[in-house]
């Protein structure tokens, strides 16, 4: 993020998207420990001027950013394991995982276009 802002990207146009509100609330503290500022934005608050915006992927729907970082997203994290583990025995978990990743990709496409 620091290199993006140094290159002229407005910090407020950087979106740090997380899967859950809990992760979103923790991220600014973790970044602060590394001397990088960011603001968590939810339905009851707005971002501070001059800082990257941290929000859930759901909250980011309809938003536009110059740069986007997906935090907490990996091959085995979308969809969340607790959701997959709750499926009935014999369910088609591969198709379910693929659908969750597809939805995430579509959301990302909307936020970066």
PDB file of N, CA and C in Angstrom:
ATOM      1  N   UNK A   1       0.825  -1.182   0.000  1.00  0.00           N
ATOM      2  CA  UNK A   1       0.000   0.000   0.000  1.00  0.00           C
ATOM      3  C   UNK A   1       0.872   1.249   0.000  1.00  0.00           C
ATOM      4  N   UNK A   2       1.967   1.196   0.755  1.00  0.00           N
ATOM      5  CA  UNK A   2       2.835   2.370   0.818  1.00  0.00           C
ATOM      6  C   UNK A   2       3.420   2.705  -0.546  1.00  0.00           C
ATOM      7  N   UNK A   3       3.751   1.671  -1.324  1.00  0.00           N
ATOM      8  CA  UNK A   3       4.307   1.937  -2.654  1.00  0.00           C
ATOM      9  C   UNK A   3       3.234   2.512  -3.579  1.00  0.00           C
ATOM     10  N   UNK A   4       1.988   2.065  -3.412  1.00  0.00           N
ATOM     11  CA  UNK A   4       0.908   2.617  -4.227  1.00  0.00           C
ATOM     12  C   UNK A   4       0.692   4.093  -3.922  1.00  0.00           C
ATOM     13  N   UNK A   5       0.659   4.449  -2.639  1.00  0.00           N
ATOM     14  CA  UNK A   5       0.439   5.852  -2.292  1.00  0.00           C
ATOM     15  C   UNK A   5       1.640   6.700  -2.687  1.00  0.00           C
ATOM     16  N   UNK A   6       2.843   6.130  -2.574  1.00  0.00           N
ATOM     17  CA  UNK A   6       4.040   6.855  -2.995  1.00  0.00           C
ATOM     18  C   UNK A   6       4.017   7.114  -4.496  1.00  0.00           C
ATOM     19  N   UNK A   7       3.377   6.216  -5.246  1.00  0.00           N
ATOM     20  CA  UNK A   7       3.287   6.368  -6.704  1.00  0.00           C
ATOM     21  C   UNK A   7       2.111   7.253  -7.122  1.00  0.00           C
ATOM     22  N   UNK A   8       1.356   7.765  -6.132  1.00  0.00           N
ATOM     23  CA  UNK A   8       0.293   8.704  -6.452  1.00  0.00           C
ATOM     24  C   UNK A   8      -1.133   8.199  -6.289  1.00  0.00           C
ATOM     25  N   UNK A   9      -1.310   6.950  -5.880  1.00  0.00           N
ATOM     26  CA  UNK A   9      -2.665   6.444  -5.649  1.00  0.00           C
ATOM     27  C   UNK A   9      -3.221   7.064  -4.376  1.00  0.00           C
ATOM     28  N   UNK A  10      -4.406   7.614  -4.461  1.00  0.00           N
ATOM     29  CA  UNK A  10      -5.065   8.187  -3.291  1.00  0.00           C
ATOM     30  C   UNK A  10      -5.337   7.074  -2.287  1.00  0.00           C
ATOM     31  N   UNK A  11      -4.891   7.235  -1.044  1.00  0.00           N
ATOM     32  CA  UNK A  11      -5.043   6.198  -0.028  1.00  0.00           C
ATOM     33  C   UNK A  11      -6.497   5.785   0.160  1.00  0.00           C
ATOM     34  N   UNK A  12      -7.417   6.725   0.056  1.00  0.00           N
ATOM     35  CA  UNK A  12      -8.841   6.418   0.231  1.00  0.00           C
ATOM     36  C   UNK A  12      -9.394   5.543  -0.896  1.00  0.00           C
ATOM     37  N   UNK A  13      -8.659   5.435  -2.004  1.00  0.00           N
ATOM     38  CA  UNK A  13      -9.126   4.610  -3.119  1.00  0.00           C
ATOM     39  C   UNK A  13      -8.534   3.204  -3.075  1.00  0.00           C
ATOM     40  N   UNK A  14      -7.904   2.857  -1.947  1.00  0.00           N
ATOM     41  CA  UNK A  14      -7.386   1.507  -1.741  1.00  0.00           C
ATOM     42  C   UNK A  14      -8.368   0.763  -0.837  1.00  0.00           C
ATOM     43  N   UNK A  15      -8.875  -0.355  -1.317  1.00  0.00           N
ATOM     44  CA  UNK A  15      -9.813  -1.156  -0.545  1.00  0.00           C
ATOM     45  C   UNK A  15      -9.166  -2.426  -0.042  1.00  0.00           C
ATOM     46  N   UNK A  16      -9.234  -2.639   1.259  1.00  0.00           N
ATOM     47  CA  UNK A  16      -8.756  -3.872   1.872  1.00  0.00           C
ATOM     48  C   UNK A  16      -9.995  -4.671   2.261  1.00  0.00           C
ATOM     49  N   UNK A  17     -10.273  -5.725   1.524  1.00  0.00           N
ATOM     50  CA  UNK A  17     -11.516  -6.458   1.694  1.00  0.00           C
ATOM     51  C   UNK A  17     -11.275  -7.751   2.456  1.00  0.00           C
ATOM     52  N   UNK A  18     -12.099  -7.957   3.469  1.00  0.00           N
ATOM     53  CA  UNK A  18     -11.976  -9.120   4.343  1.00  0.00           C
ATOM     54  C   UNK A  18     -13.275  -9.924   4.322  1.00  0.00           C
ATOM     55  N   UNK A  19     -13.202 -11.205   4.648  1.00  0.00           N
ATOM     56  CA  UNK A  19     -14.429 -12.011   4.642  1.00  0.00           C
ATOM     57  C   UNK A  19     -15.393 -11.699   5.781  1.00  0.00           C
ATOM     58  N   UNK A  20     -14.902 -11.336   6.968  1.00  0.00           N
ATOM     59  CA  UNK A  20     -15.787 -11.151   8.113  1.00  0.00           C
ATOM     60  C   UNK A  20     -15.544  -9.813   8.814  1.00  0.00           C
ATOM     61  N   UNK A  21     -16.557  -9.361   9.525  1.00  0.00           N
ATOM     62  CA  UNK A  21     -16.458  -8.115  10.287  1.00  0.00           C
ATOM     63  C   UNK A  21     -15.363  -8.210  11.344  1.00  0.00           C
ATOM     64  N   UNK A  22     -15.262  -9.345  12.002  1.00  0.00           N
ATOM     65  CA  UNK A  22     -14.231  -9.545  13.034  1.00  0.00           C
ATOM     66  C   UNK A  22     -12.836  -9.335  12.452  1.00  0.00           C
ATOM     67  N   UNK A  23     -12.588  -9.888  11.270  1.00  0.00           N
ATOM     68  CA  UNK A  23     -11.295  -9.708  10.613  1.00  0.00           C
ATOM     69  C   UNK A  23     -11.093  -8.246  10.214  1.00  0.00           C
ATOM     70  N   UNK A  24     -12.166  -7.608   9.784  1.00  0.00           N
ATOM     71  CA  UNK A  24     -12.085  -6.204   9.395  1.00  0.00           C
ATOM     72  C   UNK A  24     -11.754  -5.292  10.556  1.00  0.00           C
ATOM     73  N   UNK A  25     -12.312  -5.576  11.724  1.00  0.00           N
ATOM     74  CA  UNK A  25     -12.026  -4.767  12.902  1.00  0.00           C
ATOM     75  C   UNK A  25     -10.602  -4.979  13.395  1.00  0.00           C
ATOM     76  N   UNK A  26     -10.064  -6.180  13.206  1.00  0.00           N
ATOM     77  CA  UNK A  26      -8.709  -6.485  13.673  1.00  0.00           C
ATOM     78  C   UNK A  26      -7.623  -5.959  12.734  1.00  0.00           C
ATOM     79  N   UNK A  27      -7.912  -5.858  11.459  1.00  0.00           N
ATOM     80  CA  UNK A  27      -6.887  -5.496  10.474  1.00  0.00           C
ATOM     81  C   UNK A  27      -6.264  -4.124  10.703  1.00  0.00           C
ATOM     82  N   UNK A  28      -7.015  -3.059  10.967  1.00  0.00           N
ATOM     83  CA  UNK A  28      -6.359  -1.765  11.202  1.00  0.00           C
ATOM     84  C   UNK A  28      -5.387  -1.790  12.387  1.00  0.00           C
ATOM     85  N   UNK A  29      -5.734  -2.541  13.428  1.00  0.00           N
ATOM     86  CA  UNK A  29      -4.811  -2.660  14.573  1.00  0.00           C
ATOM     87  C   UNK A  29      -3.530  -3.364  14.159  1.00  0.00           C
ATOM     88  N   UNK A  30      -3.673  -4.459  13.405  1.00  0.00           N
ATOM     89  CA  UNK A  30      -2.499  -5.205  12.952  1.00  0.00           C
ATOM     90  C   UNK A  30      -1.624  -4.353  12.031  1.00  0.00           C
ATOM     91  N   UNK A  31      -2.246  -3.595  11.149  1.00  0.00           N
ATOM     92  CA  UNK A  31      -1.478  -2.709  10.260  1.00  0.00           C
ATOM     93  C   UNK A  31      -0.811  -1.596  11.057  1.00  0.00           C
ATOM     94  N   UNK A  32      -1.509  -1.073  12.078  1.00  0.00           N
ATOM     95  CA  UNK A  32      -0.939  -0.029  12.925  1.00  0.00           C
ATOM     96  C   UNK A  32       0.325  -0.480  13.621  1.00  0.00           C
ATOM     97  N   UNK A  33       0.383  -1.749  14.009  1.00  0.00           N
ATOM     98  CA  UNK A  33       1.589  -2.299  14.623  1.00  0.00           C
ATOM     99  C   UNK A  33       2.749  -2.313  13.642  1.00  0.00           C
ATOM    100  N   UNK A  34       2.445  -2.212  12.370  1.00  0.00           N
ATOM    101  CA  UNK A  34       3.474  -2.175  11.320  1.00  0.00           C
ATOM    102  C   UNK A  34       3.597  -0.778  10.723  1.00  0.00           C
ATOM    103  N   UNK A  35       3.105   0.187  11.470  1.00  0.00           N
ATOM    104  CA  UNK A  35       3.185   1.603  11.118  1.00  0.00           C
ATOM    105  C   UNK A  35       2.506   1.929   9.784  1.00  0.00           C
ATOM    106  N   UNK A  36       1.395   1.250   9.524  1.00  0.00           N
ATOM    107  CA  UNK A  36       0.570   1.526   8.354  1.00  0.00           C
ATOM    108  C   UNK A  36      -0.847   1.763   8.849  1.00  0.00           C
ATOM    109  N   UNK A  37      -1.457   2.838   8.405  1.00  0.00           N
ATOM    110  CA  UNK A  37      -2.803   3.141   8.888  1.00  0.00           C
ATOM    111  C   UNK A  37      -3.861   2.694   7.887  1.00  0.00           C
ATOM    112  N   UNK A  38      -5.013   2.348   8.438  1.00  0.00           N
ATOM    113  CA  UNK A  38      -6.189   1.989   7.650  1.00  0.00           C
ATOM    114  C   UNK A  38      -7.395   2.162   8.563  1.00  0.00           C
ATOM    115  N   UNK A  39      -8.567   2.316   7.982  1.00  0.00           N
ATOM    116  CA  UNK A  39      -9.789   2.530   8.751  1.00  0.00           C
ATOM    117  C   UNK A  39     -10.822   1.474   8.404  1.00  0.00           C
ATOM    118  N   UNK A  40     -11.428   0.875   9.450  1.00  0.00           N
ATOM    119  CA  UNK A  40     -12.511  -0.076   9.222  1.00  0.00           C
ATOM    120  C   UNK A  40     -13.796   0.691   8.962  1.00  0.00           C
ATOM    121  N   UNK A  41     -14.493   0.295   7.914  1.00  0.00           N
ATOM    122  CA  UNK A  41     -15.737   0.935   7.526  1.00  0.00           C
ATOM    123  C   UNK A  41     -16.853  -0.100   7.587  1.00  0.00           C
ATOM    124  N   UNK A  42     -17.912   0.220   8.317  1.00  0.00           N
ATOM    125  CA  UNK A  42     -19.093  -0.631   8.285  1.00  0.00           C
ATOM    126  C   UNK A  42     -20.313   0.250   8.094  1.00  0.00           C
ATOM    127  N   UNK A  43     -21.488  -0.314   8.228  1.00  0.00           N
ATOM    128  CA  UNK A  43     -22.694   0.468   7.937  1.00  0.00           C
ATOM    129  C   UNK A  43     -22.896   1.631   8.899  1.00  0.00           C
ATOM    130  N   UNK A  44     -22.242   1.589  10.060  1.00  0.00           N
ATOM    131  CA  UNK A  44     -22.402   2.648  11.048  1.00  0.00           C
ATOM    132  C   UNK A  44     -21.236   3.629  11.091  1.00  0.00           C
ATOM    133  N   UNK A  45     -20.248   3.440  10.235  1.00  0.00           N
ATOM    134  CA  UNK A  45     -19.096   4.336  10.250  1.00  0.00           C
ATOM    135  C   UNK A  45     -18.560   4.539   8.849  1.00  0.00           C
ATOM    136  N   UNK A  46     -17.849   5.634   8.682  1.00  0.00           N
ATOM    137  CA  UNK A  46     -17.200   5.893   7.397  1.00  0.00           C
ATOM    138  C   UNK A  46     -15.705   5.952   7.622  1.00  0.00           C
ATOM    139  N   UNK A  47     -14.967   5.854   6.556  1.00  0.00           N
ATOM    140  CA  UNK A  47     -13.512   5.839   6.652  1.00  0.00           C
ATOM    141  C   UNK A  47     -12.934   7.201   6.958  1.00  0.00           C
ATOM    142  N   UNK A  48     -11.779   7.181   7.620  1.00  0.00           N
ATOM    143  CA  UNK A  48     -11.054   8.411   7.898  1.00  0.00           C
ATOM    144  C   UNK A  48     -10.423   8.923   6.608  1.00  0.00           C
ATOM    145  N   UNK A  49     -10.316  10.227   6.511  1.00  0.00           N
ATOM    146  CA  UNK A  49      -9.683  10.838   5.330  1.00  0.00           C
ATOM    147  C   UNK A  49      -8.217  10.410   5.250  1.00  0.00           C
ATOM    148  N   UNK A  50      -7.784  10.124   4.043  1.00  0.00           N
ATOM    149  CA  UNK A  50      -6.376   9.843   3.798  1.00  0.00           C
ATOM    150  C   UNK A  50      -5.892   8.478   4.230  1.00  0.00           C
ATOM    151  N   UNK A  51      -6.801   7.517   4.448  1.00  0.00           N
ATOM    152  CA  UNK A  51      -6.378   6.170   4.812  1.00  0.00           C
ATOM    153  C   UNK A  51      -7.077   5.140   3.936  1.00  0.00           C
ATOM    154  N   UNK A  52      -6.424   4.002   3.710  1.00  0.00           N
ATOM    155  CA  UNK A  52      -7.098   2.915   3.000  1.00  0.00           C
ATOM    156  C   UNK A  52      -8.331   2.463   3.773  1.00  0.00           C
ATOM    157  N   UNK A  53      -9.304   1.949   3.052  1.00  0.00           N
ATOM    158  CA  UNK A  53     -10.587   1.559   3.628  1.00  0.00           C
ATOM    159  C   UNK A  53     -10.642   0.045   3.805  1.00  0.00           C
ATOM    160  N   UNK A  54     -10.847  -0.414   5.043  1.00  0.00           N
ATOM    161  CA  UNK A  54     -11.018  -1.831   5.343  1.00  0.00           C
ATOM    162  C   UNK A  54     -12.508  -2.101   5.480  1.00  0.00           C
ATOM    163  N   UNK A  55     -13.002  -3.103   4.779  1.00  0.00           N
ATOM    164  CA  UNK A  55     -14.417  -3.460   4.900  1.00  0.00           C
ATOM    165  C   UNK A  55     -14.618  -4.904   4.489  1.00  0.00           C
ATOM    166  N   UNK A  56     -15.770  -5.432   4.888  1.00  0.00           N
ATOM    167  CA  UNK A  56     -16.078  -6.791   4.466  1.00  0.00           C
ATOM    168  C   UNK A  56     -16.362  -6.800   2.967  1.00  0.00           C
ATOM    169  N   UNK A  57     -16.201  -7.958   2.378  1.00  0.00           N
ATOM    170  CA  UNK A  57     -16.491  -8.091   0.955  1.00  0.00           C
ATOM    171  C   UNK A  57     -17.954  -7.744   0.686  1.00  0.00           C
ATOM    172  N   UNK A  58     -18.821  -8.125   1.610  1.00  0.00           N
ATOM    173  CA  UNK A  58     -20.239  -7.813   1.448  1.00  0.00           C
ATOM    174  C   UNK A  58     -20.473  -6.302   1.479  1.00  0.00           C
ATOM    175  N   UNK A  59     -19.844  -5.600   2.402  1.00  0.00           N
ATOM    176  CA  UNK A  59     -19.996  -4.148   2.541  1.00  0.00           C
ATOM    177  C   UNK A  59     -19.468  -3.422   1.298  1.00  0.00           C
ATOM    178  N   UNK A  60     -18.476  -4.008   0.647  1.00  0.00           N
ATOM    179  CA  UNK A  60     -17.839  -3.366  -0.506  1.00  0.00           C
ATOM    180  C   UNK A  60     -18.677  -3.435  -1.778  1.00  0.00           C
ATOM    181  N   UNK A  61     -19.781  -4.159  -1.723  1.00  0.00           N
ATOM    182  CA  UNK A  61     -20.625  -4.285  -2.910  1.00  0.00           C
ATOM    183  C   UNK A  61     -21.028  -2.895  -3.411  1.00  0.00           C
ATOM    184  N   UNK A  62     -20.775  -2.657  -4.684  1.00  0.00           N
ATOM    185  CA  UNK A  62     -21.111  -1.377  -5.296  1.00  0.00           C
ATOM    186  C   UNK A  62     -20.022  -0.319  -5.172  1.00  0.00           C
ATOM    187  N   UNK A  63     -18.983  -0.600  -4.405  1.00  0.00           N
ATOM    188  CA  UNK A  63     -17.889   0.358  -4.224  1.00  0.00           C
ATOM    189  C   UNK A  63     -16.897   0.210  -5.380  1.00  0.00           C
ATOM    190  N   UNK A  64     -16.140   1.257  -5.607  1.00  0.00           N
ATOM    191  CA  UNK A  64     -15.088   1.214  -6.623  1.00  0.00           C
ATOM    192  C   UNK A  64     -13.788   1.639  -5.964  1.00  0.00           C
ATOM    193  N   UNK A  65     -12.712   0.923  -6.283  1.00  0.00           N
ATOM    194  CA  UNK A  65     -11.395   1.218  -5.746  1.00  0.00           C
ATOM    195  C   UNK A  65     -10.377   1.238  -6.879  1.00  0.00           C
ATOM    196  N   UNK A  66      -9.334   2.030  -6.709  1.00  0.00           N
ATOM    197  CA  UNK A  66      -8.232   2.018  -7.669  1.00  0.00           C
ATOM    198  C   UNK A  66      -7.392   0.763  -7.477  1.00  0.00           C
ATOM    199  N   UNK A  67      -7.245   0.339  -6.224  1.00  0.00           N
ATOM    200  CA  UNK A  67      -6.476  -0.858  -5.871  1.00  0.00           C
ATOM    201  C   UNK A  67      -7.279  -1.641  -4.838  1.00  0.00           C
ATOM    202  N   UNK A  68      -7.222  -2.972  -4.920  1.00  0.00           N
ATOM    203  CA  UNK A  68      -7.938  -3.835  -3.983  1.00  0.00           C
ATOM    204  C   UNK A  68      -6.995  -4.912  -3.477  1.00  0.00           C
ATOM    205  N   UNK A  69      -7.040  -5.135  -2.159  1.00  0.00           N
ATOM    206  CA  UNK A  69      -6.303  -6.230  -1.539  1.00  0.00           C
ATOM    207  C   UNK A  69      -7.327  -7.143  -0.888  1.00  0.00           C
ATOM    208  N   UNK A  70      -7.302  -8.426  -1.246  1.00  0.00           N
ATOM    209  CA  UNK A  70      -8.166  -9.406  -0.604  1.00  0.00           C
ATOM    210  C   UNK A  70      -7.379 -10.005   0.557  1.00  0.00           C
ATOM    211  N   UNK A  71      -7.832  -9.753   1.763  1.00  0.00           N
ATOM    212  CA  UNK A  71      -7.134 -10.197   2.965  1.00  0.00           C
ATOM    213  C   UNK A  71      -7.863 -11.407   3.529  1.00  0.00           C
ATOM    214  N   UNK A  72      -7.110 -12.434   3.892  1.00  0.00           N
ATOM    215  CA  UNK A  72      -7.722 -13.618   4.474  1.00  0.00           C
ATOM    216  C   UNK A  72      -8.390 -14.514   3.459  1.00  0.00           C
ATOM    217  N   UNK A  73      -7.955 -14.426   2.222  1.00  0.00           N
ATOM    218  CA  UNK A  73      -8.543 -15.229   1.156  1.00  0.00           C
ATOM    219  C   UNK A  73      -7.461 -16.138   0.593  1.00  0.00           C
ATOM    220  N   UNK A  74      -7.754 -17.423   0.581  1.00  0.00           N
ATOM    221  CA  UNK A  74      -6.819 -18.394   0.038  1.00  0.00           C
ATOM    222  C   UNK A  74      -7.575 -19.571  -0.539  1.00  0.00           C
ATOM    223  N   UNK A  75      -6.846 -20.513  -1.064  1.00  0.00           N
ATOM    224  CA  UNK A  75      -7.452 -21.661  -1.727  1.00  0.00           C
ATOM    225  C   UNK A  75      -8.424 -22.412  -0.828  1.00  0.00           C
ATOM    226  N   UNK A  76      -8.089 -22.517   0.444  1.00  0.00           N
ATOM    227  CA  UNK A  76      -8.930 -23.294   1.351  1.00  0.00           C
ATOM    228  C   UNK A  76      -9.834 -22.437   2.226  1.00  0.00           C
ATOM    229  N   UNK A  77      -9.907 -21.140   1.950  1.00  0.00           N
ATOM    230  CA  UNK A  77     -10.708 -20.282   2.830  1.00  0.00           C
ATOM    231  C   UNK A  77     -12.014 -19.779   2.217  1.00  0.00           C
ATOM    232  N   UNK A  78     -12.208 -19.976   0.936  1.00  0.00           N
ATOM    233  CA  UNK A  78     -13.456 -19.556   0.294  1.00  0.00           C
ATOM    234  C   UNK A  78     -14.079 -20.776  -0.363  1.00  0.00           C
ATOM    235  N   UNK A  79     -15.239 -21.212   0.023  1.00  0.00           N
ATOM    236  CA  UNK A  79     -15.996 -20.724   1.170  1.00  0.00           C
ATOM    237  C   UNK A  79     -15.341 -21.172   2.477  1.00  0.00           C
ATOM    238  N   UNK A  80     -15.777 -20.589   3.572  1.00  0.00           N
ATOM    239  CA  UNK A  80     -15.236 -20.891   4.892  1.00  0.00           C
ATOM    240  C   UNK A  80     -15.397 -22.377   5.218  1.00  0.00           C
ATOM    241  N   UNK A  81     -14.380 -22.952   5.873  1.00  0.00           N
ATOM    242  CA  UNK A  81     -14.401 -24.386   6.176  1.00  0.00           C
ATOM    243  C   UNK A  81     -15.580 -24.771   7.057  1.00  0.00           C
ATOM    244  N   UNK A  82     -16.005 -23.893   7.978  1.00  0.00           N
ATOM    245  CA  UNK A  82     -17.129 -24.247   8.829  1.00  0.00           C
ATOM    246  C   UNK A  82     -18.421 -24.399   8.026  1.00  0.00           C
ATOM    247  N   UNK A  83     -18.516 -23.699   6.897  1.00  0.00           N
ATOM    248  CA  UNK A  83     -19.697 -23.846   6.042  1.00  0.00           C
ATOM    249  C   UNK A  83     -19.636 -25.189   5.319  1.00  0.00           C
ATOM    250  N   UNK A  84     -18.469 -25.503   4.766  1.00  0.00           N
ATOM    251  CA  UNK A  84     -18.304 -26.765   4.058  1.00  0.00           C
ATOM    252  C   UNK A  84     -18.487 -27.932   5.020  1.00  0.00           C
ATOM    253  N   UNK A  85     -17.916 -27.816   6.224  1.00  0.00           N
ATOM    254  CA  UNK A  85     -18.020 -28.897   7.215  1.00  0.00           C
ATOM    255  C   UNK A  85     -19.456 -29.133   7.666  1.00  0.00           C
ATOM    256  N   UNK A  86     -20.317 -28.126   7.553  1.00  0.00           N
ATOM    257  CA  UNK A  86     -21.707 -28.283   7.987  1.00  0.00           C
ATOM    258  C   UNK A  86     -22.596 -28.932   6.935  1.00  0.00           C
ATOM    259  N   UNK A  87     -22.060 -29.141   5.729  1.00  0.00           N
ATOM    260  CA  UNK A  87     -22.859 -29.775   4.679  1.00  0.00           C
ATOM    261  C   UNK A  87     -23.117 -31.238   5.023  1.00  0.00           C
ATOM    262  N   UNK A  88     -24.268 -31.754   4.631  1.00  0.00           N
ATOM    263  CA  UNK A  88     -24.573 -33.166   4.901  1.00  0.00           C
ATOM    264  C   UNK A  88     -23.559 -34.089   4.231  1.00  0.00           C
ATOM    265  N   UNK A  89     -23.347 -35.223   4.857  1.00  0.00           N
ATOM    266  CA  UNK A  89     -22.447 -36.236   4.300  1.00  0.00           C
ATOM    267  C   UNK A  89     -22.883 -36.573   2.878  1.00  0.00           C
ATOM    268  N   UNK A  90     -21.946 -36.661   1.949  1.00  0.00           N
ATOM    269  CA  UNK A  90     -22.265 -37.003   0.579  1.00  0.00           C
ATOM    270  C   UNK A  90     -22.602 -35.813  -0.300  1.00  0.00           C
ATOM    271  N   UNK A  91     -22.578 -34.595   0.250  1.00  0.00           N
ATOM    272  CA  UNK A  91     -22.852 -33.408  -0.568  1.00  0.00           C
ATOM    273  C   UNK A  91     -21.740 -33.205  -1.586  1.00  0.00           C
ATOM    274  N   UNK A  92     -22.042 -32.462  -2.592  1.00  0.00           N
ATOM    275  CA  UNK A  92     -21.059 -32.170  -3.633  1.00  0.00           C
ATOM    276  C   UNK A  92     -20.244 -30.952  -3.195  1.00  0.00           C
ATOM    277  N   UNK A  93     -19.254 -31.180  -2.314  1.00  0.00           N
ATOM    278  CA  UNK A  93     -18.494 -30.059  -1.750  1.00  0.00           C
ATOM    279  C   UNK A  93     -17.600 -29.395  -2.787  1.00  0.00           C
ATOM    280  N   UNK A  94     -17.139 -30.138  -3.781  1.00  0.00           N
ATOM    281  CA  UNK A  94     -16.288 -29.537  -4.811  1.00  0.00           C
ATOM    282  C   UNK A  94     -17.055 -28.478  -5.583  1.00  0.00           C
ATOM    283  N   UNK A  95     -18.285 -28.797  -5.962  1.00  0.00           N
ATOM    284  CA  UNK A  95     -19.118 -27.831  -6.683  1.00  0.00           C
ATOM    285  C   UNK A  95     -19.444 -26.632  -5.794  1.00  0.00           C
ATOM    286  N   UNK A  96     -19.697 -26.897  -4.510  1.00  0.00           N
ATOM    287  CA  UNK A  96     -19.991 -25.820  -3.569  1.00  0.00           C
ATOM    288  C   UNK A  96     -18.793 -24.890  -3.423  1.00  0.00           C
ATOM    289  N   UNK A  97     -17.588 -25.451  -3.279  1.00  0.00           N
ATOM    290  CA  UNK A  97     -16.377 -24.626  -3.185  1.00  0.00           C
ATOM    291  C   UNK A  97     -16.207 -23.775  -4.446  1.00  0.00           C
ATOM    292  N   UNK A  98     -16.414 -24.392  -5.595  1.00  0.00           N
ATOM    293  CA  UNK A  98     -16.278 -23.655  -6.848  1.00  0.00           C
ATOM    294  C   UNK A  98     -17.266 -22.513  -6.953  1.00  0.00           C
ATOM    295  N   UNK A  99     -18.477 -22.732  -6.480  1.00  0.00           N
ATOM    296  CA  UNK A  99     -19.487 -21.671  -6.534  1.00  0.00           C
ATOM    297  C   UNK A  99     -19.092 -20.500  -5.640  1.00  0.00           C
ATOM    298  N   UNK A 100     -18.571 -20.782  -4.448  1.00  0.00           N
ATOM    299  CA  UNK A 100     -18.126 -19.717  -3.550  1.00  0.00           C
ATOM    300  C   UNK A 100     -17.001 -18.901  -4.161  1.00  0.00           C
ATOM    301  N   UNK A 101     -16.082 -19.566  -4.817  1.00  0.00           N
ATOM    302  CA  UNK A 101     -14.972 -18.856  -5.464  1.00  0.00           C
ATOM    303  C   UNK A 101     -15.456 -18.052  -6.661  1.00  0.00           C
ATOM    304  N   UNK A 102     -16.416 -18.591  -7.383  1.00  0.00           N
ATOM    305  CA  UNK A 102     -16.990 -17.874  -8.522  1.00  0.00           C
ATOM    306  C   UNK A 102     -17.669 -16.592  -8.056  1.00  0.00           C
ATOM    307  N   UNK A 103     -18.436 -16.692  -6.979  1.00  0.00           N
ATOM    308  CA  UNK A 103     -19.114 -15.503  -6.438  1.00  0.00           C
ATOM    309  C   UNK A 103     -18.103 -14.455  -5.998  1.00  0.00           C
ATOM    310  N   UNK A 104     -17.001 -14.906  -5.374  1.00  0.00           N
ATOM    311  CA  UNK A 104     -15.970 -13.974  -4.952  1.00  0.00           C
ATOM    312  C   UNK A 104     -15.337 -13.291  -6.165  1.00  0.00           C
ATOM    313  N   UNK A 105     -15.075 -14.050  -7.228  1.00  0.00           N
ATOM    314  CA  UNK A 105     -14.487 -13.486  -8.429  1.00  0.00           C
ATOM    315  C   UNK A 105     -15.421 -12.453  -9.068  1.00  0.00           C
ATOM    316  N   UNK A 106     -16.698 -12.755  -9.151  1.00  0.00           N
ATOM    317  CA  UNK A 106     -17.648 -11.804  -9.720  1.00  0.00           C
ATOM    318  C   UNK A 106     -17.688 -10.518  -8.903  1.00  0.00           C
ATOM    319  N   UNK A 107     -17.638 -10.659  -7.586  1.00  0.00           N
ATOM    320  CA  UNK A 107     -17.632  -9.486  -6.726  1.00  0.00           C
ATOM    321  C   UNK A 107     -16.375  -8.660  -6.972  1.00  0.00           C
ATOM    322  N   UNK A 108     -15.241  -9.320  -7.066  1.00  0.00           N
ATOM    323  CA  UNK A 108     -13.991  -8.612  -7.314  1.00  0.00           C
ATOM    324  C   UNK A 108     -14.032  -7.890  -8.652  1.00  0.00           C
ATOM    325  N   UNK A 109     -14.568  -8.539  -9.670  1.00  0.00           N
ATOM    326  CA  UNK A 109     -14.688  -7.913 -10.986  1.00  0.00           C
ATOM    327  C   UNK A 109     -15.529  -6.634 -10.908  1.00  0.00           C
ATOM    328  N   UNK A 110     -16.612  -6.664 -10.158  1.00  0.00           N
ATOM    329  CA  UNK A 110     -17.479  -5.496 -10.039  1.00  0.00           C
ATOM    330  C   UNK A 110     -16.781  -4.359  -9.318  1.00  0.00           C
ATOM    331  N   UNK A 111     -15.936  -4.668  -8.342  1.00  0.00           N
ATOM    332  CA  UNK A 111     -15.291  -3.636  -7.543  1.00  0.00           C
ATOM    333  C   UNK A 111     -14.106  -2.991  -8.244  1.00  0.00           C
ATOM    334  N   UNK A 112     -13.553  -3.671  -9.237  1.00  0.00           N
ATOM    335  CA  UNK A 112     -12.366  -3.127  -9.889  1.00  0.00           C
ATOM    336  C   UNK A 112     -12.647  -2.588 -11.278  1.00  0.00           C
ATOM    337  N   UNK A 113     -13.909  -2.595 -11.695  1.00  0.00           N
ATOM    338  CA  UNK A 113     -14.206  -2.064 -13.031  1.00  0.00           C
ATOM    339  C   UNK A 113     -14.876  -0.714 -12.937  1.00  0.00           C
TER     340      UNK A 113
END
